[in-house]
Amino acid sequence: MKLHEYQSKRIFAQYGVPIPPGKVATTPDEVEAIAREFGDPVAVKAQVLVGGRGKAGGIKLARTPEEAREVADRILNMTIKGLPVKKVLVDPAVDIQQEIYLGITNDRTAKRPVLMASSEGGVDIEEVARRSPEKIAKVHIHPLLGLQSYQVRDIALRINLPREYWRAFTQVAMGLWKAYQANDATLAEINPLVITGDGQLLALDGKMIIDDNALFRHPDLAEMQDLSAEDPMELEARKYGLSYIKLDGEIGCMVNGAGLAMATMDIIKLFGGEPANFLDIGGGANAEKVAAAFRIILSDPKVKAVLINIFGGITRGDEVARGILQAMEEVKPQVPMVVRLVGTNAEEGLRLLQNAAMETAETLVEAARKAVALAKGGAA
């Protein structure tokens, strides 16, 4: 789950990370009032859950309250990477002397969190990694011992941070680590962390991604989720406990088990097709869950054929078949379908489906070949 900039920075502040005293607004009038309250030039920043806001014109400096109102009117009528801007954050303008990148994320290879910093802040860290990887300093954090102050000092030295800022930098890094750990984050990032004209360190931007699987421990964070940025099909899938990711292909996939789902997608590509989604209905799926999965797949207008690949262990073939029939009755699909059912109660499931308008297959290879052919307008 992604958090907006203003949400992330407020969390950082709870752990001692200094942030500007910004305020959120939803109308140009509110922005003008906030700018008058601050009494200084302000930065008006679009709050959308995508990167590249600055390049898209979603971050502007305004020197007067009237200019802030005009800027806000333009930004609040923007759409950035398909997402409409509904809120802006108004921060007092800052005299920036230096910009630093500071972030913590999971290193799956090392199986522990990693603290990263760069003297080139304010730009995409991916671009820095591609262009000048030597300018990114990294240190892994022991999951039991946590981030140590000597590790932060080592990072400060490696990014050539002047020594007079080491104490403040350590405070920021430690606060970022506490925010990351306490909120079950998979990313906590400050970009940029700036040195101001009066010698202070300030987190001008913030980004957090929270592990969805940990939200049951954080009802306060769950309430902060911006559902407008989520794919509606993925939201629907979440209601039923389905693992669904939309892709750009034309063959809808319904499979039980993540490994089998990935293998199904691979074999579709092997025979010249493209999967339209990853969808794992999980073990023990009942008819209602299968019907929901089927509805989600068929709601994608790009889908030209559906491949159902079920290996019955905990999941029963007859329950899957009932779910398919239920969904077909509700949705009235107009695309061809191929089903492969093996394992527990597979014979009963196939018997239930024998009068349904769909192709059956005994092997995954056969099923994939048929699905690809049908998606391309041929015969199975």
Protein backbone atom coordinates (compact mmCIF):
# COMPACT_ATOMS: atom_id res chain seq x y z
CA MET A 1 0.00 0.00 0.00
CA LYS A 2 1.44 3.36 -1.08
CA LEU A 3 1.10 6.47 1.05
CA HIS A 4 0.94 10.04 -0.21
CA GLU A 5 3.83 12.40 0.45
CA TYR A 6 2.01 14.30 3.18
CA GLN A 7 1.04 11.05 4.93
CA SER A 8 4.58 9.68 4.76
CA LYS A 9 6.17 12.87 6.09
CA ARG A 10 3.76 13.05 9.00
CA ILE A 11 4.72 9.51 9.97
CA PHE A 12 8.42 10.39 9.66
CA ALA A 13 7.89 13.38 11.96
CA GLN A 14 6.53 11.07 14.67
CA TYR A 15 9.99 9.47 14.80
CA GLY A 16 12.03 12.66 14.94
CA VAL A 17 12.56 13.38 11.26
CA PRO A 18 12.30 17.16 10.65
CA ILE A 19 9.73 18.14 8.01
CA PRO A 20 8.32 21.48 6.79
CA PRO A 21 5.07 22.65 8.46
CA GLY A 22 3.00 21.92 5.36
CA LYS A 23 -0.77 21.74 5.01
CA VAL A 24 -3.04 19.84 2.61
CA ALA A 25 -5.66 21.60 0.50
CA THR A 26 -8.31 20.51 -1.99
CA THR A 27 -9.30 23.87 -3.49
CA PRO A 28 -7.41 26.93 -4.81
CA ASP A 29 -9.06 29.09 -2.13
CA GLU A 30 -7.66 26.86 0.62
CA VAL A 31 -4.19 27.07 -0.98
CA GLU A 32 -4.34 30.87 -1.04
CA ALA A 33 -5.37 30.97 2.62
CA ILE A 34 -2.52 28.64 3.61
CA ALA A 35 -0.01 30.75 1.64
CA ARG A 36 -1.21 33.90 3.47
CA GLU A 37 -0.84 32.07 6.78
CA PHE A 38 2.76 31.09 6.01
CA GLY A 39 3.54 34.58 4.74
CA ASP A 40 6.40 33.39 2.55
CA PRO A 41 6.81 31.87 -0.91
CA VAL A 42 5.35 28.36 -0.95
CA ALA A 43 5.71 25.15 -2.92
CA VAL A 44 2.42 23.69 -4.19
CA LYS A 45 2.80 19.94 -4.73
CA ALA A 46 0.34 17.53 -6.35
CA GLN A 47 -0.52 14.53 -4.17
CA VAL A 48 -0.73 11.53 -6.49
CA LEU A 49 0.69 8.04 -5.99
CA VAL A 50 3.07 8.15 -8.96
CA GLY A 51 6.56 9.44 -9.55
CA GLY A 52 7.59 12.20 -11.93
CA ARG A 53 5.27 14.87 -10.50
CA GLY A 54 7.83 17.62 -11.03
CA LYS A 55 8.48 16.75 -14.67
CA ALA A 56 4.71 16.66 -15.29
CA GLY A 57 4.27 20.16 -13.84
CA GLY A 58 2.75 18.96 -10.59
CA ILE A 59 5.17 20.87 -8.33
CA LYS A 60 5.36 24.66 -8.58
CA LEU A 61 6.82 27.52 -6.54
CA ALA A 62 4.54 30.50 -5.80
CA ARG A 63 5.85 33.80 -4.47
CA THR A 64 2.52 35.34 -3.46
CA PRO A 65 -0.82 34.01 -2.16
CA GLU A 66 -2.49 35.07 -5.42
CA GLU A 67 0.10 33.19 -7.46
CA ALA A 68 -0.34 30.17 -5.17
CA ARG A 69 -4.05 30.21 -5.95
CA GLU A 70 -3.39 30.31 -9.72
CA VAL A 71 -0.84 27.51 -9.51
CA ALA A 72 -3.19 25.37 -7.41
CA ASP A 73 -6.02 25.89 -9.90
CA ARG A 74 -3.84 24.48 -12.68
CA ILE A 75 -2.46 21.58 -10.65
CA LEU A 76 -5.86 20.52 -9.28
CA ASN A 77 -7.12 20.22 -12.85
CA MET A 78 -4.21 18.00 -13.92
CA THR A 79 -4.05 14.28 -14.55
CA ILE A 80 -0.60 12.78 -13.94
CA LYS A 81 0.06 9.37 -15.47
CA GLY A 82 -3.66 8.66 -15.58
CA LEU A 83 -4.38 9.78 -12.00
CA PRO A 84 -6.38 12.97 -11.35
CA VAL A 85 -4.94 15.39 -8.79
CA LYS A 86 -7.45 15.81 -5.95
CA LYS A 87 -5.19 17.25 -3.24
CA VAL A 88 -2.10 19.43 -3.01
CA LEU A 89 0.43 19.87 -0.24
CA VAL A 90 1.46 23.46 0.48
CA ASP A 91 4.93 23.72 2.05
CA PRO A 92 6.88 26.90 2.88
CA ALA A 93 9.64 27.44 0.33
CA VAL A 94 13.11 26.42 1.53
CA ASP A 95 16.56 27.81 0.79
CA ILE A 96 18.17 24.61 -0.53
CA GLN A 97 21.97 24.35 -0.34
CA GLN A 98 22.35 20.62 -0.99
CA GLU A 99 20.04 17.69 -1.84
CA ILE A 100 20.58 14.15 -0.52
CA TYR A 101 18.79 10.89 -1.16
CA LEU A 102 18.09 8.66 1.87
CA GLY A 103 16.00 5.50 1.82
CA ILE A 104 15.44 2.09 3.37
CA THR A 105 14.00 -0.90 1.53
CA ASN A 106 14.12 -4.71 1.56
CA ASP A 107 17.07 -6.46 -0.05
CA ARG A 108 15.56 -9.84 -0.87
CA THR A 109 18.90 -11.30 -1.93
CA ALA A 110 20.57 -10.41 1.37
CA LYS A 111 17.33 -11.19 3.30
CA ARG A 112 17.55 -8.00 5.32
CA PRO A 113 16.77 -4.28 5.03
CA VAL A 114 19.26 -1.97 3.35
CA LEU A 115 19.93 1.71 4.01
CA MET A 116 20.85 3.67 0.87
CA ALA A 117 22.10 7.23 0.48
CA SER A 118 23.43 9.39 -2.30
CA SER A 119 24.78 12.91 -2.59
CA GLU A 120 22.64 13.22 -5.73
CA GLY A 121 19.20 13.78 -4.24
CA GLY A 122 16.11 15.22 -5.83
CA VAL A 123 16.24 12.91 -8.85
CA ASP A 124 15.11 9.33 -9.42
CA ILE A 125 17.45 7.02 -7.53
CA GLU A 126 17.04 4.50 -10.37
CA GLU A 127 18.57 7.06 -12.75
CA VAL A 128 21.51 7.60 -10.38
CA ALA A 129 21.98 3.82 -10.10
CA ARG A 130 22.04 3.49 -13.88
CA ARG A 131 24.28 6.49 -14.57
CA SER A 132 26.61 6.56 -11.53
CA PRO A 133 26.15 3.49 -9.31
CA GLU A 134 29.30 4.37 -7.37
CA LYS A 135 27.48 7.43 -5.99
CA ILE A 136 25.03 5.27 -4.02
CA ALA A 137 26.26 4.14 -0.59
CA LYS A 138 24.58 1.10 0.95
CA VAL A 139 24.67 -0.72 4.27
CA HIS A 140 22.59 -3.70 5.37
CA ILE A 141 20.68 -3.56 8.64
CA HIS A 142 20.70 -6.55 10.99
CA PRO A 143 17.03 -7.48 11.61
CA LEU A 144 17.63 -8.07 15.34
CA LEU A 145 20.28 -5.44 16.16
CA GLY A 146 18.73 -2.74 13.99
CA LEU A 147 20.47 0.24 12.43
CA GLN A 148 23.63 1.25 14.31
CA SER A 149 24.96 4.80 14.56
CA TYR A 150 28.41 3.78 13.27
CA GLN A 151 26.73 2.50 10.09
CA VAL A 152 25.09 5.88 9.55
CA ARG A 153 28.41 7.68 10.08
CA ASP A 154 30.01 5.35 7.54
CA ILE A 155 27.27 6.26 5.03
CA ALA A 156 27.76 9.98 5.76
CA LEU A 157 31.48 9.63 5.08
CA ARG A 158 30.91 7.74 1.83
CA ILE A 159 28.54 10.39 0.41
CA ASN A 160 30.99 13.18 1.43
CA LEU A 161 28.56 14.80 3.86
CA PRO A 162 30.33 17.59 5.80
CA ARG A 163 31.13 16.44 9.33
CA GLU A 164 29.11 19.22 11.00
CA TYR A 165 25.92 17.54 9.70
CA TRP A 166 26.70 14.01 10.86
CA ARG A 167 24.79 14.28 14.15
CA ALA A 168 21.62 15.59 12.47
CA PHE A 169 21.99 13.06 9.65
CA THR A 170 22.21 10.24 12.18
CA GLN A 171 19.03 11.49 13.88
CA VAL A 172 17.20 11.50 10.52
CA ALA A 173 18.45 8.05 9.49
CA MET A 174 17.55 6.53 12.86
CA GLY A 175 14.10 8.11 12.73
CA LEU A 176 13.59 6.77 9.22
CA TRP A 177 14.57 3.27 10.36
CA LYS A 178 12.15 3.43 13.30
CA ALA A 179 9.32 4.56 11.00
CA TYR A 180 10.16 1.77 8.54
CA GLN A 181 10.25 -0.91 11.20
CA ALA A 182 7.30 0.20 13.31
CA ASN A 183 4.93 0.47 10.34
CA ASP A 184 5.89 -2.76 8.52
CA ALA A 185 7.08 -0.78 5.52
CA THR A 186 8.78 -2.20 2.45
CA LEU A 187 10.07 1.26 1.51
CA ALA A 188 10.71 4.46 3.46
CA GLU A 189 12.34 7.17 1.38
CA ILE A 190 13.31 10.83 1.69
CA ASN A 191 14.13 12.41 -1.66
CA PRO A 192 15.36 14.99 -1.21
CA LEU A 193 16.71 15.40 2.30
CA VAL A 194 18.07 18.94 2.06
CA ILE A 195 20.60 21.08 3.84
CA THR A 196 19.00 24.51 4.19
CA GLY A 197 20.64 27.90 4.10
CA ASP A 198 20.61 28.10 7.90
CA GLY A 199 22.36 24.73 8.23
CA GLN A 200 19.38 22.50 9.03
CA LEU A 201 18.47 19.09 7.61
CA LEU A 202 14.89 18.89 6.36
CA ALA A 203 12.88 16.11 4.67
CA LEU A 204 11.30 17.94 1.74
CA ASP A 205 9.68 14.86 0.23
CA GLY A 206 8.68 11.47 1.61
CA LYS A 207 7.47 8.15 0.35
CA MET A 208 6.33 5.01 2.15
CA ILE A 209 5.04 1.67 0.92
CA ILE A 210 3.40 -0.52 3.55
CA ASP A 211 3.29 -4.32 3.37
CA ASP A 212 -0.36 -5.17 2.62
CA ASN A 213 -0.03 -8.39 4.59
CA ALA A 214 0.68 -6.39 7.76
CA LEU A 215 -2.26 -4.00 7.55
CA PHE A 216 -4.25 -6.03 10.09
CA ARG A 217 -1.72 -4.73 12.64
CA HIS A 218 -2.15 -1.13 11.49
CA PRO A 219 -5.85 -0.17 11.16
CA ASP A 220 -4.80 3.49 11.28
CA LEU A 221 -2.67 3.01 8.16
CA ALA A 222 -5.37 0.97 6.41
CA GLU A 223 -7.72 3.96 6.77
CA MET A 224 -5.17 6.14 4.94
CA GLN A 225 -5.28 4.04 1.77
CA ASP A 226 -6.20 5.98 -1.37
CA LEU A 227 -8.38 3.55 -3.28
CA SER A 228 -8.71 5.88 -6.28
CA ALA A 229 -5.17 4.94 -7.31
CA GLU A 230 -5.85 1.21 -7.16
CA ASP A 231 -6.87 -0.95 -10.10
CA PRO A 232 -10.60 -1.66 -9.57
CA MET A 233 -10.19 -5.31 -10.59
CA GLU A 234 -7.37 -5.78 -8.09
CA LEU A 235 -9.55 -4.21 -5.38
CA GLU A 236 -12.39 -6.57 -6.25
CA ALA A 237 -10.02 -9.54 -6.12
CA ARG A 238 -8.79 -8.50 -2.68
CA LYS A 239 -12.35 -8.67 -1.32
CA TYR A 240 -12.45 -12.39 -2.08
CA GLY A 241 -8.89 -13.18 -0.99
CA LEU A 242 -7.67 -13.66 -4.55
CA SER A 243 -4.14 -12.86 -5.73
CA TYR A 244 -4.70 -10.92 -8.95
CA ILE A 245 -2.40 -8.75 -11.06
CA LYS A 246 -3.57 -7.27 -14.33
CA LEU A 247 -1.26 -7.66 -17.34
CA ASP A 248 -1.44 -6.54 -20.97
CA GLY A 249 -2.13 -9.83 -22.77
CA GLU A 250 -5.24 -11.42 -24.25
CA ILE A 251 -5.53 -14.78 -22.46
CA GLY A 252 -7.20 -14.67 -19.07
CA CYS A 253 -5.78 -17.15 -16.55
CA MET A 254 -7.43 -18.73 -13.51
CA VAL A 255 -5.12 -21.08 -11.64
CA ASN A 256 -4.73 -22.41 -8.11
CA GLY A 257 -1.25 -21.96 -6.66
CA ALA A 258 1.26 -19.21 -7.39
CA GLY A 259 3.86 -21.55 -8.86
CA LEU A 260 1.36 -23.23 -11.17
CA ALA A 261 0.02 -19.79 -12.15
CA MET A 262 3.49 -18.63 -13.19
CA ALA A 263 4.12 -21.87 -15.07
CA THR A 264 0.80 -21.41 -16.88
CA MET A 265 1.76 -17.88 -17.90
CA ASP A 266 5.15 -19.08 -19.11
CA ILE A 267 3.72 -21.85 -21.28
CA ILE A 268 1.18 -19.44 -22.80
CA LYS A 269 4.10 -17.24 -23.87
CA LEU A 270 5.98 -20.31 -25.12
CA PHE A 271 3.21 -20.99 -27.63
CA GLY A 272 3.01 -17.39 -28.82
CA GLY A 273 0.31 -15.95 -26.56
CA GLU A 274 0.32 -13.31 -23.85
CA PRO A 275 -1.35 -13.72 -20.43
CA ALA A 276 -3.89 -11.04 -19.50
CA ASN A 277 -3.40 -11.54 -15.78
CA PHE A 278 -1.88 -13.44 -12.91
CA LEU A 279 -4.68 -14.95 -10.83
CA ASP A 280 -4.21 -17.45 -8.02
CA ILE A 281 -7.48 -18.57 -6.43
CA GLY A 282 -5.52 -20.33 -3.67
CA GLY A 283 -6.18 -23.63 -1.95
CA GLY A 284 -9.64 -24.69 -0.89
CA ALA A 285 -11.44 -22.22 -3.16
CA ASN A 286 -15.21 -22.63 -3.10
CA ALA A 287 -17.73 -21.96 -5.85
CA GLU A 288 -18.30 -18.35 -4.75
CA LYS A 289 -14.59 -17.57 -4.88
CA VAL A 290 -14.21 -19.20 -8.30
CA ALA A 291 -17.20 -17.28 -9.63
CA ALA A 292 -15.68 -14.01 -8.39
CA ALA A 293 -12.38 -14.86 -10.09
CA PHE A 294 -14.18 -15.63 -13.32
CA ARG A 295 -16.09 -12.32 -13.22
CA ILE A 296 -12.88 -10.38 -12.65
CA ILE A 297 -11.12 -12.06 -15.59
CA LEU A 298 -14.04 -11.44 -17.95
CA SER A 299 -14.36 -7.79 -16.92
CA ASP A 300 -11.09 -7.13 -18.79
CA PRO A 301 -12.06 -6.07 -22.35
CA LYS A 302 -8.68 -7.23 -23.69
CA VAL A 303 -9.38 -10.88 -22.86
CA LYS A 304 -10.02 -12.93 -26.02
CA ALA A 305 -9.83 -16.40 -24.42
CA VAL A 306 -9.73 -17.86 -20.90
CA LEU A 307 -7.51 -20.69 -19.68
CA ILE A 308 -8.58 -22.39 -16.43
CA ASN A 309 -5.87 -24.63 -15.00
CA ILE A 310 -6.77 -26.34 -11.72
CA PHE A 311 -4.73 -28.99 -9.95
CA GLY A 312 -7.03 -30.39 -7.29
CA GLY A 313 -5.45 -31.00 -3.93
CA ILE A 314 -7.18 -29.00 -1.26
CA THR A 315 -9.16 -27.34 -4.05
CA ARG A 316 -11.92 -29.66 -5.32
CA GLY A 317 -12.60 -29.95 -9.03
CA ASP A 318 -16.37 -30.12 -8.58
CA GLU A 319 -16.37 -26.88 -6.53
CA VAL A 320 -14.36 -25.17 -9.27
CA ALA A 321 -16.80 -26.44 -11.90
CA ARG A 322 -19.79 -25.13 -9.92
CA GLY A 323 -18.12 -21.74 -9.62
CA ILE A 324 -17.47 -21.63 -13.36
CA LEU A 325 -21.09 -22.51 -14.15
CA GLN A 326 -22.35 -19.94 -11.64
CA ALA A 327 -20.18 -17.23 -13.19
CA MET A 328 -21.15 -18.19 -16.73
CA GLU A 329 -24.80 -17.85 -15.78
CA GLU A 330 -24.18 -14.38 -14.34
CA VAL A 331 -21.70 -12.96 -16.85
CA LYS A 332 -22.72 -14.69 -20.11
CA PRO A 333 -19.14 -14.79 -21.50
CA GLN A 334 -18.60 -14.04 -25.17
CA VAL A 335 -15.04 -15.43 -25.35
CA PRO A 336 -13.91 -19.04 -25.80
CA MET A 337 -12.68 -20.98 -22.75
CA VAL A 338 -10.35 -23.91 -22.14
CA VAL A 339 -10.39 -25.83 -18.87
CA ARG A 340 -7.94 -28.35 -17.49
CA LEU A 341 -9.02 -30.09 -14.29
CA VAL A 342 -6.92 -32.78 -12.62
CA GLY A 343 -6.77 -34.12 -9.08
CA THR A 344 -9.42 -34.20 -6.38
CA ASN A 345 -12.94 -34.70 -7.79
CA ALA A 346 -11.71 -33.79 -11.29
CA GLU A 347 -13.95 -36.38 -12.95
CA GLU A 348 -17.02 -34.95 -11.21
CA GLY A 349 -15.99 -31.44 -12.19
CA LEU A 350 -15.54 -32.35 -15.85
CA ARG A 351 -18.89 -34.13 -15.83
CA LEU A 352 -20.56 -30.95 -14.57
CA LEU A 353 -18.89 -28.95 -17.35
CA GLN A 354 -19.55 -31.38 -20.19
CA ASN A 355 -22.57 -29.44 -21.45
CA ALA A 356 -20.93 -26.03 -21.00
CA ALA A 357 -19.63 -24.14 -24.05
CA MET A 358 -15.93 -24.69 -23.43
CA GLU A 359 -12.97 -26.78 -24.51
CA THR A 360 -11.34 -29.28 -22.16
CA ALA A 361 -7.73 -30.50 -22.06
CA GLU A 362 -5.90 -33.27 -20.26
CA THR A 363 -2.48 -31.60 -20.09
CA LEU A 364 -1.26 -28.04 -19.60
CA VAL A 365 0.52 -28.12 -22.96
CA GLU A 366 -2.71 -29.07 -24.72
CA ALA A 367 -4.67 -26.43 -22.79
CA ALA A 368 -2.16 -23.68 -23.61
CA ARG A 369 -2.07 -24.57 -27.31
CA LYS A 370 -5.86 -24.44 -27.49
CA ALA A 371 -6.11 -21.15 -25.59
CA VAL A 372 -3.52 -19.44 -27.79
CA ALA A 373 -5.23 -20.69 -30.98
CA LEU A 374 -8.65 -19.52 -29.78
CA ALA A 375 -7.32 -16.11 -28.74
CA LYS A 376 -5.92 -15.63 -32.23
CA GLY A 377 -9.27 -16.42 -33.76
CA GLY A 378 -8.47 -19.97 -34.86
CA ALA A 379 -9.91 -23.32 -33.88
CA ALA A 380 -8.83 -25.23 -30.82
